[in-house]
N, C-alpha and C. Protein backbone atom coordinates (compact mmCIF):
# COMPACT_ATOMS: atom_id res chain seq x y z
N MET A 1 0.85 -1.17 0.00
CA MET A 1 0.00 0.00 0.00
C MET A 1 0.90 1.23 0.00
N SER A 2 0.83 1.99 -1.05
CA SER A 2 1.71 3.14 -1.17
C SER A 2 0.93 4.44 -1.00
N ARG A 3 1.67 5.52 -0.79
CA ARG A 3 1.10 6.84 -0.64
C ARG A 3 1.45 7.68 -1.86
N PRO A 4 0.65 8.71 -2.16
CA PRO A 4 1.02 9.61 -3.25
C PRO A 4 2.30 10.38 -2.91
N VAL A 5 3.03 10.73 -3.92
CA VAL A 5 4.28 11.46 -3.74
C VAL A 5 4.29 12.64 -4.70
N VAL A 6 4.69 13.81 -4.21
CA VAL A 6 4.82 14.97 -5.09
C VAL A 6 6.17 14.88 -5.80
N ARG A 7 6.12 14.98 -7.09
CA ARG A 7 7.34 14.96 -7.89
C ARG A 7 7.48 16.34 -8.54
N PRO A 8 8.67 16.93 -8.48
CA PRO A 8 8.85 18.26 -9.10
C PRO A 8 8.51 18.22 -10.59
N TYR A 9 7.87 19.28 -11.03
CA TYR A 9 7.46 19.35 -12.43
C TYR A 9 7.81 20.72 -12.97
N LYS A 10 8.58 20.76 -14.04
CA LYS A 10 8.92 22.02 -14.68
C LYS A 10 7.95 22.22 -15.83
N LYS A 11 7.16 23.28 -15.73
CA LYS A 11 6.18 23.55 -16.77
C LYS A 11 6.88 23.89 -18.07
N PRO A 12 6.48 23.23 -19.16
CA PRO A 12 7.10 23.51 -20.46
C PRO A 12 6.81 24.95 -20.92
N VAL A 13 7.77 25.53 -21.59
CA VAL A 13 7.61 26.89 -22.11
C VAL A 13 7.10 26.84 -23.55
N HIS A 14 7.59 25.90 -24.30
CA HIS A 14 7.23 25.78 -25.72
C HIS A 14 6.50 24.47 -25.95
N ILE A 15 5.67 24.42 -26.94
CA ILE A 15 4.88 23.22 -27.26
C ILE A 15 5.77 22.01 -27.50
N LYS A 16 6.96 22.20 -28.02
CA LYS A 16 7.87 21.07 -28.30
C LYS A 16 8.39 20.43 -27.02
N GLU A 17 8.30 21.14 -25.89
CA GLU A 17 8.79 20.61 -24.62
C GLU A 17 7.77 19.71 -23.91
N TYR A 18 6.53 19.73 -24.36
CA TYR A 18 5.50 18.89 -23.73
C TYR A 18 5.76 17.42 -24.06
N PRO A 19 5.55 16.52 -23.09
CA PRO A 19 5.78 15.10 -23.36
C PRO A 19 4.73 14.55 -24.33
N LYS A 20 5.12 13.52 -25.07
CA LYS A 20 4.19 12.91 -26.02
C LYS A 20 3.19 12.00 -25.32
N GLY A 21 3.58 11.44 -24.19
CA GLY A 21 2.69 10.59 -23.41
C GLY A 21 2.42 11.22 -22.06
N THR A 22 2.29 10.38 -21.05
CA THR A 22 2.08 10.90 -19.72
C THR A 22 3.40 11.45 -19.15
N CYS A 23 3.28 12.38 -18.22
CA CYS A 23 4.49 12.99 -17.63
C CYS A 23 5.22 12.04 -16.70
N PHE A 24 4.46 11.29 -15.89
CA PHE A 24 5.04 10.40 -14.89
C PHE A 24 4.27 9.09 -14.88
N THR A 25 4.85 8.11 -14.24
CA THR A 25 4.12 6.87 -14.01
C THR A 25 3.04 7.12 -12.97
N ALA A 26 2.09 6.23 -12.85
CA ALA A 26 0.99 6.39 -11.91
C ALA A 26 1.50 6.50 -10.47
N GLY A 27 0.75 7.22 -9.64
CA GLY A 27 1.10 7.36 -8.24
C GLY A 27 1.90 8.60 -7.91
N TYR A 28 2.14 9.46 -8.89
CA TYR A 28 2.87 10.69 -8.65
C TYR A 28 1.98 11.89 -8.94
N LEU A 29 2.10 12.89 -8.11
CA LEU A 29 1.35 14.13 -8.29
C LEU A 29 2.34 15.28 -8.41
N VAL A 30 1.90 16.38 -9.00
CA VAL A 30 2.79 17.53 -9.14
C VAL A 30 2.44 18.65 -8.17
N THR A 31 1.28 18.59 -7.54
CA THR A 31 0.90 19.59 -6.54
C THR A 31 0.09 18.93 -5.44
N GLU A 32 0.12 19.54 -4.26
CA GLU A 32 -0.79 19.13 -3.20
C GLU A 32 -2.14 19.73 -3.56
N ASN A 33 -3.21 18.96 -3.38
CA ASN A 33 -4.49 19.40 -3.93
C ASN A 33 -5.64 19.34 -2.94
N ALA A 34 -5.41 19.59 -1.67
CA ALA A 34 -6.47 19.46 -0.69
C ALA A 34 -6.99 20.81 -0.19
N ASP A 35 -6.55 21.91 -0.77
CA ASP A 35 -6.90 23.23 -0.25
C ASP A 35 -8.37 23.57 -0.36
N TRP A 36 -9.10 23.00 -1.27
CA TRP A 36 -10.49 23.37 -1.47
C TRP A 36 -11.46 22.41 -0.78
N ARG A 37 -10.97 21.46 -0.03
CA ARG A 37 -11.80 20.46 0.64
C ARG A 37 -12.67 21.13 1.71
N THR A 38 -13.96 20.76 1.81
CA THR A 38 -14.85 21.30 2.84
C THR A 38 -15.07 20.32 3.98
N GLU A 39 -14.94 19.03 3.69
CA GLU A 39 -15.04 17.99 4.72
C GLU A 39 -13.86 17.04 4.55
N LYS A 40 -13.43 16.48 5.68
CA LYS A 40 -12.34 15.52 5.59
C LYS A 40 -12.73 14.24 6.32
N PRO A 41 -12.27 13.10 5.81
CA PRO A 41 -12.57 11.83 6.48
C PRO A 41 -11.67 11.65 7.71
N VAL A 42 -12.28 11.19 8.78
CA VAL A 42 -11.54 10.93 10.01
C VAL A 42 -11.77 9.47 10.38
N ILE A 43 -10.70 8.75 10.66
CA ILE A 43 -10.79 7.32 10.96
C ILE A 43 -10.81 7.10 12.46
N ASN A 44 -11.78 6.31 12.91
CA ASN A 44 -11.82 5.87 14.31
C ASN A 44 -11.13 4.52 14.34
N ASN A 45 -9.89 4.50 14.79
CA ASN A 45 -9.10 3.26 14.77
C ASN A 45 -9.63 2.20 15.72
N GLU A 46 -10.45 2.58 16.68
CA GLU A 46 -11.07 1.58 17.56
C GLU A 46 -12.12 0.77 16.80
N SER A 47 -12.81 1.43 15.87
CA SER A 47 -13.85 0.76 15.08
C SER A 47 -13.31 0.08 13.83
N CYS A 48 -12.15 0.50 13.35
CA CYS A 48 -11.58 -0.04 12.12
C CYS A 48 -11.22 -1.51 12.32
N ASN A 49 -11.70 -2.35 11.39
CA ASN A 49 -11.39 -3.78 11.48
C ASN A 49 -10.23 -4.18 10.56
N GLY A 50 -9.63 -3.22 9.86
CA GLY A 50 -8.47 -3.50 9.03
C GLY A 50 -8.78 -4.25 7.75
N CYS A 51 -9.98 -4.09 7.21
CA CYS A 51 -10.33 -4.80 5.97
C CYS A 51 -9.72 -4.13 4.74
N PHE A 52 -9.36 -2.85 4.84
CA PHE A 52 -8.74 -2.06 3.78
C PHE A 52 -9.63 -1.88 2.55
N TYR A 53 -10.94 -2.02 2.73
CA TYR A 53 -11.86 -1.78 1.61
C TYR A 53 -11.85 -0.31 1.21
N CYS A 54 -11.68 0.58 2.19
CA CYS A 54 -11.60 2.01 1.91
C CYS A 54 -10.39 2.31 1.01
N TYR A 55 -9.31 1.61 1.25
CA TYR A 55 -8.11 1.76 0.43
C TYR A 55 -8.40 1.41 -1.03
N LEU A 56 -9.16 0.35 -1.24
CA LEU A 56 -9.49 -0.06 -2.61
C LEU A 56 -10.45 0.92 -3.28
N CYS A 57 -11.32 1.56 -2.51
CA CYS A 57 -12.33 2.45 -3.07
C CYS A 57 -11.86 3.89 -3.27
N CYS A 58 -10.80 4.30 -2.61
CA CYS A 58 -10.34 5.69 -2.68
C CYS A 58 -9.87 6.02 -4.10
N PRO A 59 -10.53 6.98 -4.77
CA PRO A 59 -10.13 7.31 -6.14
C PRO A 59 -8.80 8.06 -6.22
N GLU A 60 -8.37 8.68 -5.13
CA GLU A 60 -7.12 9.44 -5.14
C GLU A 60 -5.93 8.65 -4.62
N GLY A 61 -6.16 7.50 -4.02
CA GLY A 61 -5.08 6.68 -3.50
C GLY A 61 -4.39 7.28 -2.30
N VAL A 62 -5.13 7.99 -1.44
CA VAL A 62 -4.52 8.67 -0.30
C VAL A 62 -4.61 7.87 0.99
N ILE A 63 -5.23 6.72 0.96
CA ILE A 63 -5.35 5.88 2.14
C ILE A 63 -4.21 4.86 2.10
N PHE A 64 -3.55 4.69 3.23
CA PHE A 64 -2.42 3.78 3.29
C PHE A 64 -2.43 3.00 4.59
N LYS A 65 -1.69 1.91 4.61
CA LYS A 65 -1.62 1.02 5.77
C LYS A 65 -0.64 1.57 6.80
N LYS A 66 -1.06 1.54 8.05
CA LYS A 66 -0.20 1.98 9.15
C LYS A 66 -0.51 1.12 10.36
N GLU A 67 0.40 0.21 10.68
CA GLU A 67 0.25 -0.69 11.83
C GLU A 67 -1.06 -1.49 11.78
N ASN A 68 -1.33 -2.14 10.68
CA ASN A 68 -2.52 -2.97 10.45
C ASN A 68 -3.83 -2.20 10.51
N LYS A 69 -3.77 -0.91 10.47
CA LYS A 69 -4.95 -0.05 10.36
C LYS A 69 -4.71 0.87 9.17
N VAL A 70 -5.63 1.76 8.90
CA VAL A 70 -5.47 2.68 7.79
C VAL A 70 -5.26 4.10 8.29
N ASP A 71 -4.63 4.90 7.45
CA ASP A 71 -4.43 6.31 7.73
C ASP A 71 -4.65 7.06 6.42
N ILE A 72 -4.82 8.36 6.50
CA ILE A 72 -5.12 9.18 5.33
C ILE A 72 -4.08 10.27 5.18
N ASP A 73 -3.59 10.45 3.97
CA ASP A 73 -2.67 11.54 3.67
C ASP A 73 -3.51 12.75 3.28
N TYR A 74 -3.70 13.65 4.22
CA TYR A 74 -4.59 14.80 4.01
C TYR A 74 -4.05 15.82 3.02
N LYS A 75 -2.77 15.76 2.69
CA LYS A 75 -2.22 16.70 1.71
C LYS A 75 -2.83 16.47 0.33
N PHE A 76 -3.31 15.26 0.08
CA PHE A 76 -3.84 14.93 -1.24
C PHE A 76 -5.32 14.55 -1.23
N CYS A 77 -5.91 14.38 -0.05
CA CYS A 77 -7.32 14.00 0.05
C CYS A 77 -8.21 15.14 -0.40
N LYS A 78 -9.16 14.85 -1.29
CA LYS A 78 -10.07 15.88 -1.80
C LYS A 78 -11.38 15.93 -1.03
N GLY A 79 -11.58 15.01 -0.09
CA GLY A 79 -12.79 15.04 0.73
C GLY A 79 -14.04 14.56 0.03
N CYS A 80 -13.91 13.63 -0.88
CA CYS A 80 -15.07 13.16 -1.66
C CYS A 80 -16.03 12.32 -0.81
N GLY A 81 -15.52 11.66 0.24
CA GLY A 81 -16.37 10.88 1.13
C GLY A 81 -16.64 9.46 0.69
N ILE A 82 -16.03 9.02 -0.39
CA ILE A 82 -16.26 7.66 -0.89
C ILE A 82 -15.78 6.64 0.14
N CYS A 83 -14.67 6.92 0.80
CA CYS A 83 -14.15 5.99 1.81
C CYS A 83 -15.13 5.83 2.96
N ALA A 84 -15.76 6.92 3.39
CA ALA A 84 -16.73 6.86 4.49
C ALA A 84 -17.97 6.07 4.08
N LYS A 85 -18.41 6.24 2.86
CA LYS A 85 -19.58 5.49 2.38
C LYS A 85 -19.26 4.01 2.20
N ALA A 86 -18.02 3.71 1.82
CA ALA A 86 -17.63 2.31 1.56
C ALA A 86 -17.33 1.54 2.84
N CYS A 87 -16.99 2.23 3.91
CA CYS A 87 -16.57 1.56 5.15
C CYS A 87 -17.75 0.82 5.79
N LYS A 88 -17.67 -0.51 5.79
CA LYS A 88 -18.75 -1.33 6.34
C LYS A 88 -18.77 -1.29 7.86
N ALA A 89 -17.62 -0.99 8.48
CA ALA A 89 -17.55 -0.91 9.95
C ALA A 89 -17.95 0.48 10.45
N LYS A 90 -18.24 1.40 9.53
CA LYS A 90 -18.60 2.79 9.89
C LYS A 90 -17.50 3.45 10.72
N ALA A 91 -16.24 3.13 10.41
CA ALA A 91 -15.11 3.66 11.15
C ALA A 91 -14.63 4.99 10.60
N ILE A 92 -15.16 5.41 9.46
CA ILE A 92 -14.75 6.69 8.85
C ILE A 92 -15.94 7.62 8.84
N THR A 93 -15.73 8.80 9.39
CA THR A 93 -16.79 9.83 9.37
C THR A 93 -16.24 11.06 8.67
N MET A 94 -17.12 11.80 8.06
CA MET A 94 -16.74 13.04 7.38
C MET A 94 -16.98 14.20 8.34
N ASN A 95 -15.90 14.93 8.65
CA ASN A 95 -15.97 16.06 9.57
C ASN A 95 -15.74 17.35 8.81
N ARG A 96 -16.47 18.38 9.20
CA ARG A 96 -16.34 19.69 8.59
C ARG A 96 -14.90 20.21 8.75
N GLU A 97 -14.34 20.71 7.66
CA GLU A 97 -12.99 21.26 7.67
C GLU A 97 -12.99 22.58 8.44
N GLU A 98 -11.97 22.83 9.23
CA GLU A 98 -11.86 24.08 10.01
C GLU A 98 -11.57 25.25 9.12
């Protein structure tokens, strides 16, 4: 279970500098993208049964394994709430962002 990683990206100046395919392999981001989030998922580790279904459902790949439980990388989480809806143990709740 891996976490997203920011990779430096130099914006091309001329059209010839743009890559012909993708810029990076999957799992790399060029910016942190959580600034516009209004709610964030919070994990209750007492309720988490470690099934990692939330990890499979997360479209951003920000959920990762930590000591047989899950944790969230909030720098990249967009607050979509899919993990909270998918959690069968109801261990993830969506809390209003401060």
